[in-house]
Amino acid sequence: MIVNATDLKNNLGKYLRDCTKEKIIIASNGRKIAILCAYEEYQGNINSDGLVRERTEAFDYAPRTVPYEEFLALTEGNEKRYEYIDGEVYLLTTISRKAHLF
């Protein structure tokens, strides 16, 4: 079942009961952002501190150096912000419009 975030907020109790029967996919602005599911379903992935263990094989990070021309090709016409340092490309995080810098 897919529900939008506002509907989830307004009917949290209903969806907490429903998630014991099926996974609830939460969408915001038409984009799927989270899953609400029964505690028992993920209990095997939760350690004694109550933290969820992630599978590290899902992340594939292999740093490599690239020529400056490749960096320019990557950033050309791209809305994301990158930084080029010693041949490595870094994706910069965005600052929330609500955040105050001073």
PDB file of N, CA and C in Angstrom:
ATOM      1  N   MET A   1       0.843  -1.162   0.000  1.00  0.00           N
ATOM      2  CA  MET A   1       0.000   0.000   0.000  1.00  0.00           C
ATOM      3  C   MET A   1       0.896   1.236   0.000  1.00  0.00           C
ATOM      4  N   ILE A   2       0.566   2.214  -0.821  1.00  0.00           N
ATOM      5  CA  ILE A   2       1.312   3.464  -0.877  1.00  0.00           C
ATOM      6  C   ILE A   2       0.431   4.589  -0.336  1.00  0.00           C
ATOM      7  N   VAL A   3       0.975   5.371   0.604  1.00  0.00           N
ATOM      8  CA  VAL A   3       0.253   6.503   1.173  1.00  0.00           C
ATOM      9  C   VAL A   3       1.160   7.725   1.135  1.00  0.00           C
ATOM     10  N   ASN A   4       0.559   8.901   1.083  1.00  0.00           N
ATOM     11  CA  ASN A   4       1.399  10.098   1.118  1.00  0.00           C
ATOM     12  C   ASN A   4       1.693  10.481   2.565  1.00  0.00           C
ATOM     13  N   ALA A   5       2.737  11.258   2.755  1.00  0.00           N
ATOM     14  CA  ALA A   5       3.215  11.587   4.099  1.00  0.00           C
ATOM     15  C   ALA A   5       2.167  12.320   4.926  1.00  0.00           C
ATOM     16  N   THR A   6       1.396  13.184   4.293  1.00  0.00           N
ATOM     17  CA  THR A   6       0.360  13.922   5.028  1.00  0.00           C
ATOM     18  C   THR A   6      -0.719  12.983   5.535  1.00  0.00           C
ATOM     19  N   ASP A   7      -1.134  12.050   4.696  1.00  0.00           N
ATOM     20  CA  ASP A   7      -2.150  11.075   5.111  1.00  0.00           C
ATOM     21  C   ASP A   7      -1.624  10.215   6.255  1.00  0.00           C
ATOM     22  N   LEU A   8      -0.349   9.841   6.185  1.00  0.00           N
ATOM     23  CA  LEU A   8       0.256   9.059   7.267  1.00  0.00           C
ATOM     24  C   LEU A   8       0.230   9.849   8.572  1.00  0.00           C
ATOM     25  N   LYS A   9       0.603  11.118   8.491  1.00  0.00           N
ATOM     26  CA  LYS A   9       0.621  11.962   9.690  1.00  0.00           C
ATOM     27  C   LYS A   9      -0.775  12.082  10.302  1.00  0.00           C
ATOM     28  N   ASN A  10      -1.774  12.257   9.449  1.00  0.00           N
ATOM     29  CA  ASN A  10      -3.143  12.447   9.936  1.00  0.00           C
ATOM     30  C   ASN A  10      -3.800  11.163  10.430  1.00  0.00           C
ATOM     31  N   ASN A  11      -3.311  10.000   9.977  1.00  0.00           N
ATOM     32  CA  ASN A  11      -3.928   8.713  10.320  1.00  0.00           C
ATOM     33  C   ASN A  11      -2.899   7.704  10.813  1.00  0.00           C
ATOM     34  N   LEU A  12      -1.952   8.154  11.609  1.00  0.00           N
ATOM     35  CA  LEU A  12      -0.846   7.289  12.040  1.00  0.00           C
ATOM     36  C   LEU A  12      -1.341   6.017  12.720  1.00  0.00           C
ATOM     37  N   GLY A  13      -2.297   6.106  13.613  1.00  0.00           N
ATOM     38  CA  GLY A  13      -2.795   4.926  14.323  1.00  0.00           C
ATOM     39  C   GLY A  13      -3.326   3.865  13.370  1.00  0.00           C
ATOM     40  N   LYS A  14      -4.072   4.293  12.365  1.00  0.00           N
ATOM     41  CA  LYS A  14      -4.616   3.356  11.372  1.00  0.00           C
ATOM     42  C   LYS A  14      -3.477   2.641  10.634  1.00  0.00           C
ATOM     43  N   TYR A  15      -2.468   3.407  10.213  1.00  0.00           N
ATOM     44  CA  TYR A  15      -1.380   2.794   9.452  1.00  0.00           C
ATOM     45  C   TYR A  15      -0.465   1.937  10.332  1.00  0.00           C
ATOM     46  N   LEU A  16      -0.365   2.258  11.617  1.00  0.00           N
ATOM     47  CA  LEU A  16       0.389   1.386  12.518  1.00  0.00           C
ATOM     48  C   LEU A  16      -0.295   0.023  12.634  1.00  0.00           C
ATOM     49  N   ARG A  17      -1.621   0.017  12.664  1.00  0.00           N
ATOM     50  CA  ARG A  17      -2.348  -1.267  12.685  1.00  0.00           C
ATOM     51  C   ARG A  17      -2.217  -1.985  11.343  1.00  0.00           C
ATOM     52  N   ASP A  18      -2.323  -1.238  10.237  1.00  0.00           N
ATOM     53  CA  ASP A  18      -2.260  -1.836   8.903  1.00  0.00           C
ATOM     54  C   ASP A  18      -0.891  -2.424   8.583  1.00  0.00           C
ATOM     55  N   CYS A  19       0.168  -1.857   9.155  1.00  0.00           N
ATOM     56  CA  CYS A  19       1.506  -2.344   8.800  1.00  0.00           C
ATOM     57  C   CYS A  19       1.775  -3.746   9.337  1.00  0.00           C
ATOM     58  N   THR A  20       0.948  -4.229  10.261  1.00  0.00           N
ATOM     59  CA  THR A  20       1.115  -5.608  10.726  1.00  0.00           C
ATOM     60  C   THR A  20       0.614  -6.595   9.676  1.00  0.00           C
ATOM     61  N   LYS A  21      -0.193  -6.102   8.724  1.00  0.00           N
ATOM     62  CA  LYS A  21      -0.732  -6.958   7.659  1.00  0.00           C
ATOM     63  C   LYS A  21       0.041  -6.824   6.358  1.00  0.00           C
ATOM     64  N   GLU A  22       0.540  -5.621   6.072  1.00  0.00           N
ATOM     65  CA  GLU A  22       1.293  -5.373   4.841  1.00  0.00           C
ATOM     66  C   GLU A  22       2.202  -4.170   5.028  1.00  0.00           C
ATOM     67  N   LYS A  23       3.232  -4.075   4.204  1.00  0.00           N
ATOM     68  CA  LYS A  23       4.144  -2.941   4.262  1.00  0.00           C
ATOM     69  C   LYS A  23       3.428  -1.696   3.752  1.00  0.00           C
ATOM     70  N   ILE A  24       3.709  -0.573   4.395  1.00  0.00           N
ATOM     71  CA  ILE A  24       3.154   0.713   3.993  1.00  0.00           C
ATOM     72  C   ILE A  24       4.298   1.525   3.392  1.00  0.00           C
ATOM     73  N   ILE A  25       4.194   1.883   2.126  1.00  0.00           N
ATOM     74  CA  ILE A  25       5.201   2.710   1.465  1.00  0.00           C
ATOM     75  C   ILE A  25       4.744   4.154   1.577  1.00  0.00           C
ATOM     76  N   ILE A  26       5.616   5.010   2.094  1.00  0.00           N
ATOM     77  CA  ILE A  26       5.284   6.411   2.313  1.00  0.00           C
ATOM     78  C   ILE A  26       5.905   7.240   1.199  1.00  0.00           C
ATOM     79  N   ALA A  27       5.070   8.068   0.569  1.00  0.00           N
ATOM     80  CA  ALA A  27       5.518   8.911  -0.537  1.00  0.00           C
ATOM     81  C   ALA A  27       5.378  10.376  -0.156  1.00  0.00           C
ATOM     82  N   SER A  28       6.276  11.180  -0.689  1.00  0.00           N
ATOM     83  CA  SER A  28       6.218  12.624  -0.502  1.00  0.00           C
ATOM     84  C   SER A  28       6.515  13.271  -1.845  1.00  0.00           C
ATOM     85  N   ASN A  29       5.621  14.136  -2.271  1.00  0.00           N
ATOM     86  CA  ASN A  29       5.748  14.775  -3.589  1.00  0.00           C
ATOM     87  C   ASN A  29       5.899  13.755  -4.711  1.00  0.00           C
ATOM     88  N   GLY A  30       5.159  12.652  -4.598  1.00  0.00           N
ATOM     89  CA  GLY A  30       5.176  11.622  -5.632  1.00  0.00           C
ATOM     90  C   GLY A  30       6.400  10.724  -5.618  1.00  0.00           C
ATOM     91  N   ARG A  31       7.294  10.879  -4.650  1.00  0.00           N
ATOM     92  CA  ARG A  31       8.515  10.076  -4.568  1.00  0.00           C
ATOM     93  C   ARG A  31       8.458   9.174  -3.352  1.00  0.00           C
ATOM     94  N   LYS A  32       8.716   7.892  -3.533  1.00  0.00           N
ATOM     95  CA  LYS A  32       8.720   6.937  -2.422  1.00  0.00           C
ATOM     96  C   LYS A  32       9.924   7.240  -1.533  1.00  0.00           C
ATOM     97  N   ILE A  33       9.665   7.422  -0.207  1.00  0.00           N
ATOM     98  CA  ILE A  33      10.759   7.828   0.678  1.00  0.00           C
ATOM     99  C   ILE A  33      10.998   6.898   1.858  1.00  0.00           C
ATOM    100  N   ALA A  34       9.999   6.097   2.238  1.00  0.00           N
ATOM    101  CA  ALA A  34      10.186   5.250   3.417  1.00  0.00           C
ATOM    102  C   ALA A  34       9.207   4.091   3.397  1.00  0.00           C
ATOM    103  N   ILE A  35       9.479   3.109   4.255  1.00  0.00           N
ATOM    104  CA  ILE A  35       8.591   1.960   4.408  1.00  0.00           C
ATOM    105  C   ILE A  35       8.257   1.821   5.884  1.00  0.00           C
ATOM    106  N   LEU A  36       6.992   1.617   6.163  1.00  0.00           N
ATOM    107  CA  LEU A  36       6.527   1.334   7.517  1.00  0.00           C
ATOM    108  C   LEU A  36       6.130  -0.132   7.543  1.00  0.00           C
ATOM    109  N   CYS A  37       6.747  -0.897   8.419  1.00  0.00           N
ATOM    110  CA  CYS A  37       6.428  -2.321   8.488  1.00  0.00           C
ATOM    111  C   CYS A  37       6.387  -2.761   9.947  1.00  0.00           C
ATOM    112  N   ALA A  38       5.899  -3.945  10.168  1.00  0.00           N
ATOM    113  CA  ALA A  38       5.776  -4.485  11.519  1.00  0.00           C
ATOM    114  C   ALA A  38       7.162  -4.703  12.141  1.00  0.00           C
ATOM    115  N   TYR A  39       7.268  -4.471  13.431  1.00  0.00           N
ATOM    116  CA  TYR A  39       8.520  -4.631  14.158  1.00  0.00           C
ATOM    117  C   TYR A  39       9.066  -6.051  14.009  1.00  0.00           C
ATOM    118  N   GLU A  40       8.178  -7.038  14.106  1.00  0.00           N
ATOM    119  CA  GLU A  40       8.612  -8.434  14.025  1.00  0.00           C
ATOM    120  C   GLU A  40       9.291  -8.746  12.689  1.00  0.00           C
ATOM    121  N   GLU A  41       8.876  -8.058  11.644  1.00  0.00           N
ATOM    122  CA  GLU A  41       9.430  -8.320  10.317  1.00  0.00           C
ATOM    123  C   GLU A  41      10.913  -7.971  10.240  1.00  0.00           C
ATOM    124  N   TYR A  42      11.343  -6.939  10.958  1.00  0.00           N
ATOM    125  CA  TYR A  42      12.733  -6.514  10.919  1.00  0.00           C
ATOM    126  C   TYR A  42      13.482  -6.763  12.216  1.00  0.00           C
ATOM    127  N   GLN A  43      12.909  -7.506  13.109  1.00  0.00           N
ATOM    128  CA  GLN A  43      13.524  -7.760  14.403  1.00  0.00           C
ATOM    129  C   GLN A  43      14.899  -8.401  14.262  1.00  0.00           C
ATOM    130  N   GLY A  44      15.094  -9.224  13.249  1.00  0.00           N
ATOM    131  CA  GLY A  44      16.392  -9.865  13.044  1.00  0.00           C
ATOM    132  C   GLY A  44      17.480  -8.894  12.642  1.00  0.00           C
ATOM    133  N   ASN A  45      17.108  -7.707  12.169  1.00  0.00           N
ATOM    134  CA  ASN A  45      18.086  -6.709  11.756  1.00  0.00           C
ATOM    135  C   ASN A  45      18.326  -5.645  12.820  1.00  0.00           C
ATOM    136  N   ILE A  46      17.761  -5.808  14.005  1.00  0.00           N
ATOM    137  CA  ILE A  46      17.902  -4.817  15.062  1.00  0.00           C
ATOM    138  C   ILE A  46      18.796  -5.383  16.156  1.00  0.00           C
ATOM    139  N   ASN A  47      19.837  -4.622  16.541  1.00  0.00           N
ATOM    140  CA  ASN A  47      20.751  -5.119  17.571  1.00  0.00           C
ATOM    141  C   ASN A  47      20.222  -4.804  18.965  1.00  0.00           C
ATOM    142  N   SER A  48      20.971  -5.153  19.988  1.00  0.00           N
ATOM    143  CA  SER A  48      20.505  -5.013  21.371  1.00  0.00           C
ATOM    144  C   SER A  48      20.298  -3.552  21.782  1.00  0.00           C
ATOM    145  N   ASP A  49      20.914  -2.614  21.074  1.00  0.00           N
ATOM    146  CA  ASP A  49      20.727  -1.194  21.369  1.00  0.00           C
ATOM    147  C   ASP A  49      19.498  -0.615  20.684  1.00  0.00           C
ATOM    148  N   GLY A  50      18.801  -1.437  19.896  1.00  0.00           N
ATOM    149  CA  GLY A  50      17.631  -0.952  19.182  1.00  0.00           C
ATOM    150  C   GLY A  50      17.961  -0.286  17.860  1.00  0.00           C
ATOM    151  N   LEU A  51      19.218  -0.412  17.422  1.00  0.00           N
ATOM    152  CA  LEU A  51      19.619   0.194  16.160  1.00  0.00           C
ATOM    153  C   LEU A  51      19.511  -0.813  15.024  1.00  0.00           C
ATOM    154  N   VAL A  52      19.116  -0.359  13.869  1.00  0.00           N
ATOM    155  CA  VAL A  52      18.978  -1.232  12.705  1.00  0.00           C
ATOM    156  C   VAL A  52      20.344  -1.454  12.082  1.00  0.00           C
ATOM    157  N   ARG A  53      20.666  -2.703  11.808  1.00  0.00           N
ATOM    158  CA  ARG A  53      21.917  -3.021  11.134  1.00  0.00           C
ATOM    159  C   ARG A  53      21.697  -2.939   9.638  1.00  0.00           C
ATOM    160  N   GLU A  54      22.601  -2.266   8.937  1.00  0.00           N
ATOM    161  CA  GLU A  54      22.523  -2.175   7.492  1.00  0.00           C
ATOM    162  C   GLU A  54      23.480  -3.174   6.874  1.00  0.00           C
ATOM    163  N   ARG A  55      23.124  -3.626   5.700  1.00  0.00           N
ATOM    164  CA  ARG A  55      24.009  -4.511   4.964  1.00  0.00           C
ATOM    165  C   ARG A  55      25.025  -3.657   4.219  1.00  0.00           C
ATOM    166  N   THR A  56      26.290  -3.836   4.517  1.00  0.00           N
ATOM    167  CA  THR A  56      27.317  -3.004   3.904  1.00  0.00           C
ATOM    168  C   THR A  56      27.524  -3.316   2.433  1.00  0.00           C
ATOM    169  N   GLU A  57      27.154  -4.493   1.985  1.00  0.00           N
ATOM    170  CA  GLU A  57      27.347  -4.800   0.572  1.00  0.00           C
ATOM    171  C   GLU A  57      26.458  -3.942  -0.326  1.00  0.00           C
ATOM    172  N   ALA A  58      25.499  -3.229   0.251  1.00  0.00           N
ATOM    173  CA  ALA A  58      24.642  -2.355  -0.541  1.00  0.00           C
ATOM    174  C   ALA A  58      25.395  -1.107  -0.985  1.00  0.00           C
ATOM    175  N   PHE A  59      26.505  -0.788  -0.318  1.00  0.00           N
ATOM    176  CA  PHE A  59      27.273   0.393  -0.653  1.00  0.00           C
ATOM    177  C   PHE A  59      28.488  -0.012  -1.467  1.00  0.00           C
ATOM    178  N   ASP A  60      28.682   0.639  -2.587  1.00  0.00           N
ATOM    179  CA  ASP A  60      29.813   0.338  -3.449  1.00  0.00           C
ATOM    180  C   ASP A  60      30.602   1.623  -3.666  1.00  0.00           C
ATOM    181  N   TYR A  61      31.540   1.887  -2.781  1.00  0.00           N
ATOM    182  CA  TYR A  61      32.346   3.097  -2.889  1.00  0.00           C
ATOM    183  C   TYR A  61      33.786   2.705  -3.150  1.00  0.00           C
ATOM    184  N   ALA A  62      34.271   3.079  -4.295  1.00  0.00           N
ATOM    185  CA  ALA A  62      35.653   2.814  -4.642  1.00  0.00           C
ATOM    186  C   ALA A  62      36.252   4.119  -5.160  1.00  0.00           C
ATOM    187  N   PRO A  63      36.954   4.862  -4.297  1.00  0.00           N
ATOM    188  CA  PRO A  63      37.498   6.140  -4.749  1.00  0.00           C
ATOM    189  C   PRO A  63      38.515   5.948  -5.856  1.00  0.00           C
ATOM    190  N   ARG A  64      38.500   6.864  -6.794  1.00  0.00           N
ATOM    191  CA  ARG A  64      39.481   6.821  -7.873  1.00  0.00           C
ATOM    192  C   ARG A  64      39.750   8.254  -8.310  1.00  0.00           C
ATOM    193  N   THR A  65      40.909   8.475  -8.849  1.00  0.00           N
ATOM    194  CA  THR A  65      41.224   9.810  -9.350  1.00  0.00           C
ATOM    195  C   THR A  65      40.771   9.898 -10.806  1.00  0.00           C
ATOM    196  N   VAL A  66      40.343  11.088 -11.170  1.00  0.00           N
ATOM    197  CA  VAL A  66      39.876  11.315 -12.540  1.00  0.00           C
ATOM    198  C   VAL A  66      40.554  12.558 -13.078  1.00  0.00           C
ATOM    199  N   PRO A  67      40.732  12.628 -14.383  1.00  0.00           N
ATOM    200  CA  PRO A  67      41.303  13.848 -14.956  1.00  0.00           C
ATOM    201  C   PRO A  67      40.307  15.013 -14.835  1.00  0.00           C
ATOM    202  N   TYR A  68      40.842  16.217 -14.848  1.00  0.00           N
ATOM    203  CA  TYR A  68      40.006  17.404 -14.695  1.00  0.00           C
ATOM    204  C   TYR A  68      38.953  17.493 -15.808  1.00  0.00           C
ATOM    205  N   GLU A  69      39.279  17.040 -16.994  1.00  0.00           N
ATOM    206  CA  GLU A  69      38.334  17.079 -18.115  1.00  0.00           C
ATOM    207  C   GLU A  69      37.105  16.203 -17.820  1.00  0.00           C
ATOM    208  N   GLU A  70      37.315  15.051 -17.168  1.00  0.00           N
ATOM    209  CA  GLU A  70      36.202  14.182 -16.805  1.00  0.00           C
ATOM    210  C   GLU A  70      35.330  14.858 -15.737  1.00  0.00           C
ATOM    211  N   PHE A  71      35.971  15.559 -14.811  1.00  0.00           N
ATOM    212  CA  PHE A  71      35.226  16.316 -13.803  1.00  0.00           C
ATOM    213  C   PHE A  71      34.355  17.380 -14.471  1.00  0.00           C
ATOM    214  N   LEU A  72      34.920  18.095 -15.431  1.00  0.00           N
ATOM    215  CA  LEU A  72      34.156  19.119 -16.138  1.00  0.00           C
ATOM    216  C   LEU A  72      32.958  18.512 -16.881  1.00  0.00           C
ATOM    217  N   ALA A  73      33.166  17.366 -17.498  1.00  0.00           N
ATOM    218  CA  ALA A  73      32.073  16.693 -18.211  1.00  0.00           C
ATOM    219  C   ALA A  73      30.979  16.252 -17.248  1.00  0.00           C
ATOM    220  N   LEU A  74      31.352  15.803 -16.058  1.00  0.00           N
ATOM    221  CA  LEU A  74      30.381  15.368 -15.056  1.00  0.00           C
ATOM    222  C   LEU A  74      29.534  16.533 -14.571  1.00  0.00           C
ATOM    223  N   THR A  75      30.164  17.673 -14.350  1.00  0.00           N
ATOM    224  CA  THR A  75      29.462  18.807 -13.750  1.00  0.00           C
ATOM    225  C   THR A  75      28.732  19.678 -14.758  1.00  0.00           C
ATOM    226  N   GLU A  76      29.050  19.548 -16.028  1.00  0.00           N
ATOM    227  CA  GLU A  76      28.423  20.394 -17.038  1.00  0.00           C
ATOM    228  C   GLU A  76      26.925  20.093 -17.147  1.00  0.00           C
ATOM    229  N   GLY A  77      26.111  21.101 -16.901  1.00  0.00           N
ATOM    230  CA  GLY A  77      24.662  20.951 -16.989  1.00  0.00           C
ATOM    231  C   GLY A  77      24.055  20.166 -15.838  1.00  0.00           C
ATOM    232  N   ASN A  78      24.822  19.872 -14.813  1.00  0.00           N
ATOM    233  CA  ASN A  78      24.345  19.098 -13.673  1.00  0.00           C
ATOM    234  C   ASN A  78      23.978  20.056 -12.551  1.00  0.00           C
ATOM    235  N   GLU A  79      22.796  19.877 -11.957  1.00  0.00           N
ATOM    236  CA  GLU A  79      22.357  20.760 -10.882  1.00  0.00           C
ATOM    237  C   GLU A  79      23.040  20.454  -9.547  1.00  0.00           C
ATOM    238  N   LYS A  80      23.585  19.274  -9.409  1.00  0.00           N
ATOM    239  CA  LYS A  80      24.274  18.920  -8.162  1.00  0.00           C
ATOM    240  C   LYS A  80      25.607  19.653  -8.108  1.00  0.00           C
ATOM    241  N   ARG A  81      26.086  19.870  -6.886  1.00  0.00           N
ATOM    242  CA  ARG A  81      27.334  20.584  -6.699  1.00  0.00           C
ATOM    243  C   ARG A  81      28.455  19.603  -6.363  1.00  0.00           C
ATOM    244  N   TYR A  82      29.555  19.718  -7.086  1.00  0.00           N
ATOM    245  CA  TYR A  82      30.701  18.846  -6.892  1.00  0.00           C
ATOM    246  C   TYR A  82      31.933  19.683  -6.600  1.00  0.00           C
ATOM    247  N   GLU A  83      32.921  19.038  -5.978  1.00  0.00           N
ATOM    248  CA  GLU A  83      34.198  19.682  -5.719  1.00  0.00           C
ATOM    249  C   GLU A  83      35.293  18.740  -6.205  1.00  0.00           C
ATOM    250  N   TYR A  84      36.327  19.302  -6.807  1.00  0.00           N
ATOM    251  CA  TYR A  84      37.440  18.523  -7.359  1.00  0.00           C
ATOM    252  C   TYR A  84      38.674  18.806  -6.516  1.00  0.00           C
ATOM    253  N   ILE A  85      39.153  17.788  -5.778  1.00  0.00           N
ATOM    254  CA  ILE A  85      40.312  17.953  -4.902  1.00  0.00           C
ATOM    255  C   ILE A  85      41.298  16.829  -5.163  1.00  0.00           C
ATOM    256  N   ASP A  86      42.497  17.193  -5.557  1.00  0.00           N
ATOM    257  CA  ASP A  86      43.575  16.222  -5.806  1.00  0.00           C
ATOM    258  C   ASP A  86      43.121  15.072  -6.703  1.00  0.00           C
ATOM    259  N   GLY A  87      42.347  15.379  -7.722  1.00  0.00           N
ATOM    260  CA  GLY A  87      41.932  14.360  -8.674  1.00  0.00           C
ATOM    261  C   GLY A  87      40.711  13.563  -8.268  1.00  0.00           C
ATOM    262  N   GLU A  88      40.164  13.807  -7.072  1.00  0.00           N
ATOM    263  CA  GLU A  88      38.969  13.100  -6.623  1.00  0.00           C
ATOM    264  C   GLU A  88      37.773  14.036  -6.656  1.00  0.00           C
ATOM    265  N   VAL A  89      36.602  13.483  -6.987  1.00  0.00           N
ATOM    266  CA  VAL A  89      35.379  14.261  -7.096  1.00  0.00           C
ATOM    267  C   VAL A  89      34.525  13.997  -5.864  1.00  0.00           C
ATOM    268  N   TYR A  90      34.055  15.073  -5.235  1.00  0.00           N
ATOM    269  CA  TYR A  90      33.223  14.971  -4.047  1.00  0.00           C
ATOM    270  C   TYR A  90      31.877  15.628  -4.327  1.00  0.00           C
ATOM    271  N   LEU A  91      30.801  14.931  -3.979  1.00  0.00           N
ATOM    272  CA  LEU A  91      29.466  15.500  -4.074  1.00  0.00           C
ATOM    273  C   LEU A  91      29.226  16.319  -2.823  1.00  0.00           C
ATOM    274  N   LEU A  92      28.886  17.581  -2.989  1.00  0.00           N
ATOM    275  CA  LEU A  92      28.647  18.460  -1.848  1.00  0.00           C
ATOM    276  C   LEU A  92      27.207  18.327  -1.398  1.00  0.00           C
ATOM    277  N   THR A  93      26.996  18.388  -0.103  1.00  0.00           N
ATOM    278  CA  THR A  93      25.637  18.331   0.420  1.00  0.00           C
ATOM    279  C   THR A  93      24.994  19.693   0.266  1.00  0.00           C
ATOM    280  N   THR A  94      23.676  19.697   0.171  1.00  0.00           N
ATOM    281  CA  THR A  94      22.969  20.964   0.029  1.00  0.00           C
ATOM    282  C   THR A  94      22.587  21.492   1.397  1.00  0.00           C
ATOM    283  N   ILE A  95      22.527  22.777   1.512  1.00  0.00           N
ATOM    284  CA  ILE A  95      22.109  23.427   2.745  1.00  0.00           C
ATOM    285  C   ILE A  95      20.622  23.699   2.638  1.00  0.00           C
ATOM    286  N   SER A  96      19.902  23.334   3.667  1.00  0.00           N
ATOM    287  CA  SER A  96      18.476  23.567   3.687  1.00  0.00           C
ATOM    288  C   SER A  96      18.187  25.054   3.588  1.00  0.00           C
ATOM    289  N   ARG A  97      17.147  25.410   2.850  1.00  0.00           N
ATOM    290  CA  ARG A  97      16.771  26.814   2.717  1.00  0.00           C
ATOM    291  C   ARG A  97      16.378  27.396   4.068  1.00  0.00           C
ATOM    292  N   LYS A  98      15.978  26.543   4.990  1.00  0.00           N
ATOM    293  CA  LYS A  98      15.569  27.002   6.307  1.00  0.00           C
ATOM    294  C   LYS A  98      16.772  27.190   7.230  1.00  0.00           C
ATOM    295  N   ALA A  99      17.919  26.647   6.848  1.00  0.00           N
ATOM    296  CA  ALA A  99      19.094  26.749   7.710  1.00  0.00           C
ATOM    297  C   ALA A  99      19.658  28.164   7.668  1.00  0.00           C
ATOM    298  N   HIS A 100      20.085  28.643   8.795  1.00  0.00           N
ATOM    299  CA  HIS A 100      20.698  29.959   8.888  1.00  0.00           C
ATOM    300  C   HIS A 100      22.204  29.785   8.999  1.00  0.00           C
ATOM    301  N   LEU A 101      22.939  30.494   8.174  1.00  0.00           N
ATOM    302  CA  LEU A 101      24.382  30.368   8.194  1.00  0.00           C
ATOM    303  C   LEU A 101      25.010  31.242   9.270  1.00  0.00           C
ATOM    304  N   PHE A 102      24.335  32.306   9.677  1.00  0.00           N
ATOM    305  CA  PHE A 102      24.896  33.218  10.692  1.00  0.00           C
ATOM    306  C   PHE A 102      23.938  33.364  11.836  1.00  0.00           C
TER     307      PHE A 102
END
